[in-house]
Amino acid sequence: MKDWLIELKESALKEIKNIKSLEELESWRIKYLGRKSELIKFSEKLKNFPPEERKNLGMIFNAVKEELEKIYQSKRDELLEEKVNFDFYHPGKSFNLTSLLFVKSSIAGAFFITSK
């Protein structure tokens, strides 16, 4: 059973490396940390083991679950982090002043027509 927990952790780690969106991450969380996940099913079976083995498997189970939760949280933070590709010191694009003057004159003309 110890080997099964380690294999589960390794497969979860392999899967999470390929995740590119929050939707994929949520389905990963449900698969590995959700209420009906294999990990939770294992915790329910844990009571059937002898006390000494239950203690060892419980420690491994808790370590695996904590590690998966930390990895989930870090991946979630990474996906939520907005990457700003804006350089504040780089000059911006110039705009055409004639188009601005055209808009300004159009607005002034509209006010002139409505004021009569």
C-alpha atoms as a PDB file:
ATOM      1  CA  MET A   1       0.000   0.000   0.000  1.00  0.00           C
ATOM      2  CA  LYS A   2       2.928   2.288   0.654  1.00  0.00           C
ATOM      3  CA  ASP A   3       4.055   1.803  -2.930  1.00  0.00           C
ATOM      4  CA  TRP A   4       0.557   2.589  -4.165  1.00  0.00           C
ATOM      5  CA  LEU A   5       0.567   5.934  -2.331  1.00  0.00           C
ATOM      6  CA  ILE A   6       3.949   6.833  -3.787  1.00  0.00           C
ATOM      7  CA  GLU A   7       2.822   5.875  -7.301  1.00  0.00           C
ATOM      8  CA  LEU A   8      -0.309   7.975  -6.866  1.00  0.00           C
ATOM      9  CA  LYS A   9       1.791  10.957  -5.818  1.00  0.00           C
ATOM     10  CA  GLU A  10       4.164  10.536  -8.760  1.00  0.00           C
ATOM     11  CA  SER A  11       1.337  10.289 -11.285  1.00  0.00           C
ATOM     12  CA  ALA A  12      -0.275  13.407  -9.782  1.00  0.00           C
ATOM     13  CA  LEU A  13       3.011  15.287 -10.049  1.00  0.00           C
ATOM     14  CA  LYS A  14       3.436  14.249 -13.691  1.00  0.00           C
ATOM     15  CA  GLU A  15      -0.079  15.381 -14.523  1.00  0.00           C
ATOM     16  CA  ILE A  16       0.141  18.747 -12.815  1.00  0.00           C
ATOM     17  CA  LYS A  17       3.246  19.703 -14.785  1.00  0.00           C
ATOM     18  CA  ASN A  18       1.225  19.653 -18.023  1.00  0.00           C
ATOM     19  CA  ILE A  19      -1.662  21.786 -16.739  1.00  0.00           C
ATOM     20  CA  LYS A  20      -2.089  25.132 -18.516  1.00  0.00           C
ATOM     21  CA  SER A  21      -5.491  26.417 -17.331  1.00  0.00           C
ATOM     22  CA  LEU A  22      -7.523  26.796 -14.159  1.00  0.00           C
ATOM     23  CA  GLU A  23     -10.198  24.430 -15.491  1.00  0.00           C
ATOM     24  CA  GLU A  24      -7.645  21.668 -15.952  1.00  0.00           C
ATOM     25  CA  LEU A  25      -6.259  22.387 -12.507  1.00  0.00           C
ATOM     26  CA  GLU A  26      -9.709  22.121 -10.939  1.00  0.00           C
ATOM     27  CA  SER A  27     -10.320  18.739 -12.573  1.00  0.00           C
ATOM     28  CA  TRP A  28      -6.886  17.633 -11.278  1.00  0.00           C
ATOM     29  CA  ARG A  29      -7.849  18.769  -7.766  1.00  0.00           C
ATOM     30  CA  ILE A  30     -11.097  16.824  -7.922  1.00  0.00           C
ATOM     31  CA  LYS A  31      -9.319  13.736  -9.223  1.00  0.00           C
ATOM     32  CA  TYR A  32      -6.579  13.689  -6.577  1.00  0.00           C
ATOM     33  CA  LEU A  33      -7.905  15.706  -3.614  1.00  0.00           C
ATOM     34  CA  GLY A  34     -11.694  15.612  -4.009  1.00  0.00           C
ATOM     35  CA  ARG A  35     -14.174  13.773  -1.805  1.00  0.00           C
ATOM     36  CA  LYS A  36     -14.387  10.798  -4.147  1.00  0.00           C
ATOM     37  CA  SER A  37     -10.700  10.676  -5.020  1.00  0.00           C
ATOM     38  CA  GLU A  38      -8.584   7.558  -4.715  1.00  0.00           C
ATOM     39  CA  LEU A  39      -6.650   9.212  -1.904  1.00  0.00           C
ATOM     40  CA  ILE A  40      -9.774   9.725   0.211  1.00  0.00           C
ATOM     41  CA  LYS A  41     -10.988   6.204  -0.549  1.00  0.00           C
ATOM     42  CA  PHE A  42      -7.646   4.973   0.763  1.00  0.00           C
ATOM     43  CA  SER A  43      -8.095   6.935   4.003  1.00  0.00           C
ATOM     44  CA  GLU A  44     -11.432   5.188   4.523  1.00  0.00           C
ATOM     45  CA  LYS A  45      -9.762   1.780   4.046  1.00  0.00           C
ATOM     46  CA  LEU A  46      -7.031   2.735   6.510  1.00  0.00           C
ATOM     47  CA  LYS A  47      -9.129   1.690   9.519  1.00  0.00           C
ATOM     48  CA  ASN A  48      -9.010  -1.947   8.364  1.00  0.00           C
ATOM     49  CA  PHE A  49      -5.221  -2.215   8.810  1.00  0.00           C
ATOM     50  CA  PRO A  50      -3.508  -3.344  12.028  1.00  0.00           C
ATOM     51  CA  PRO A  51      -2.589  -0.469  14.406  1.00  0.00           C
ATOM     52  CA  GLU A  52       1.161  -0.411  13.691  1.00  0.00           C
ATOM     53  CA  GLU A  53       0.718  -0.548   9.930  1.00  0.00           C
ATOM     54  CA  ARG A  54      -2.124   1.989  10.155  1.00  0.00           C
ATOM     55  CA  LYS A  55       0.209   4.387  11.955  1.00  0.00           C
ATOM     56  CA  ASN A  56       2.915   4.116   9.275  1.00  0.00           C
ATOM     57  CA  LEU A  57       0.474   4.306   6.385  1.00  0.00           C
ATOM     58  CA  GLY A  58      -1.316   7.227   8.034  1.00  0.00           C
ATOM     59  CA  MET A  59       1.918   9.191   8.256  1.00  0.00           C
ATOM     60  CA  ILE A  60       2.687   8.494   4.600  1.00  0.00           C
ATOM     61  CA  PHE A  61      -0.901   9.333   3.627  1.00  0.00           C
ATOM     62  CA  ASN A  62      -0.758  12.669   5.449  1.00  0.00           C
ATOM     63  CA  ALA A  63       2.604  13.542   3.893  1.00  0.00           C
ATOM     64  CA  VAL A  64       1.352  12.736   0.384  1.00  0.00           C
ATOM     65  CA  LYS A  65      -1.877  14.681   0.885  1.00  0.00           C
ATOM     66  CA  GLU A  66      -0.066  17.734   2.279  1.00  0.00           C
ATOM     67  CA  GLU A  67       2.425  17.708  -0.579  1.00  0.00           C
ATOM     68  CA  LEU A  68      -0.333  17.467  -3.195  1.00  0.00           C
ATOM     69  CA  GLU A  69      -2.219  20.322  -1.539  1.00  0.00           C
ATOM     70  CA  LYS A  70       0.913  22.510  -1.524  1.00  0.00           C
ATOM     71  CA  ILE A  71       1.625  21.726  -5.162  1.00  0.00           C
ATOM     72  CA  TYR A  72      -1.993  22.474  -6.066  1.00  0.00           C
ATOM     73  CA  GLN A  73      -1.855  25.827  -4.286  1.00  0.00           C
ATOM     74  CA  SER A  74       1.447  26.831  -5.882  1.00  0.00           C
ATOM     75  CA  LYS A  75       0.208  25.864  -9.364  1.00  0.00           C
ATOM     76  CA  ARG A  76      -3.023  27.769  -8.746  1.00  0.00           C
ATOM     77  CA  ASP A  77      -1.084  30.858  -7.687  1.00  0.00           C
ATOM     78  CA  GLU A  78       1.111  30.522 -10.751  1.00  0.00           C
ATOM     79  CA  LEU A  79      -1.897  30.346 -13.078  1.00  0.00           C
ATOM     80  CA  LEU A  80      -3.664  33.246 -11.377  1.00  0.00           C
ATOM     81  CA  GLU A  81      -0.619  35.458 -11.496  1.00  0.00           C
ATOM     82  CA  GLU A  82      -1.002  37.983 -14.242  1.00  0.00           C
ATOM     83  CA  LYS A  83       2.098  38.550 -16.223  1.00  0.00           C
ATOM     84  CA  VAL A  84       2.410  42.214 -17.113  1.00  0.00           C
ATOM     85  CA  ASN A  85       4.247  42.737 -20.382  1.00  0.00           C
ATOM     86  CA  PHE A  86       4.283  46.488 -20.139  1.00  0.00           C
ATOM     87  CA  ASP A  87       7.448  48.525 -19.954  1.00  0.00           C
ATOM     88  CA  PHE A  88       6.773  51.811 -18.168  1.00  0.00           C
ATOM     89  CA  TYR A  89      10.040  53.294 -19.422  1.00  0.00           C
ATOM     90  CA  HIS A  90       9.468  52.494 -23.090  1.00  0.00           C
ATOM     91  CA  PRO A  91       7.921  55.382 -25.018  1.00  0.00           C
ATOM     92  CA  GLY A  92       4.369  54.771 -26.119  1.00  0.00           C
ATOM     93  CA  LYS A  93       2.926  55.052 -29.592  1.00  0.00           C
ATOM     94  CA  SER A  94       2.296  58.543 -30.862  1.00  0.00           C
ATOM     95  CA  PHE A  95      -1.135  59.411 -32.145  1.00  0.00           C
ATOM     96  CA  ASN A  96      -2.236  61.653 -34.951  1.00  0.00           C
ATOM     97  CA  LEU A  97      -3.227  65.112 -33.704  1.00  0.00           C
ATOM     98  CA  THR A  98      -5.284  65.830 -36.790  1.00  0.00           C
ATOM     99  CA  SER A  99      -7.780  63.122 -35.852  1.00  0.00           C
ATOM    100  CA  LEU A 100      -8.045  64.623 -32.368  1.00  0.00           C
ATOM    101  CA  LEU A 101      -8.650  68.061 -33.854  1.00  0.00           C
ATOM    102  CA  PHE A 102     -11.323  66.608 -36.143  1.00  0.00           C
ATOM    103  CA  VAL A 103     -13.155  65.086 -33.175  1.00  0.00           C
ATOM    104  CA  LYS A 104     -12.837  68.316 -31.206  1.00  0.00           C
ATOM    105  CA  SER A 105     -14.204  70.393 -34.086  1.00  0.00           C
ATOM    106  CA  SER A 106     -17.050  67.927 -34.639  1.00  0.00           C
ATOM    107  CA  ILE A 107     -18.064  68.169 -31.006  1.00  0.00           C
ATOM    108  CA  ALA A 108     -17.840  71.982 -31.112  1.00  0.00           C
ATOM    109  CA  GLY A 109     -19.977  71.998 -34.259  1.00  0.00           C
ATOM    110  CA  ALA A 110     -22.573  69.788 -32.630  1.00  0.00           C
ATOM    111  CA  PHE A 111     -22.797  72.151 -29.645  1.00  0.00           C
ATOM    112  CA  PHE A 112     -23.054  75.143 -31.990  1.00  0.00           C
ATOM    113  CA  ILE A 113     -25.918  73.555 -33.934  1.00  0.00           C
ATOM    114  CA  THR A 114     -27.845  72.523 -30.824  1.00  0.00           C
ATOM    115  CA  SER A 115     -27.374  75.892 -29.127  1.00  0.00           C
ATOM    116  CA  LYS A 116     -29.336  77.734 -31.851  1.00  0.00           C
END
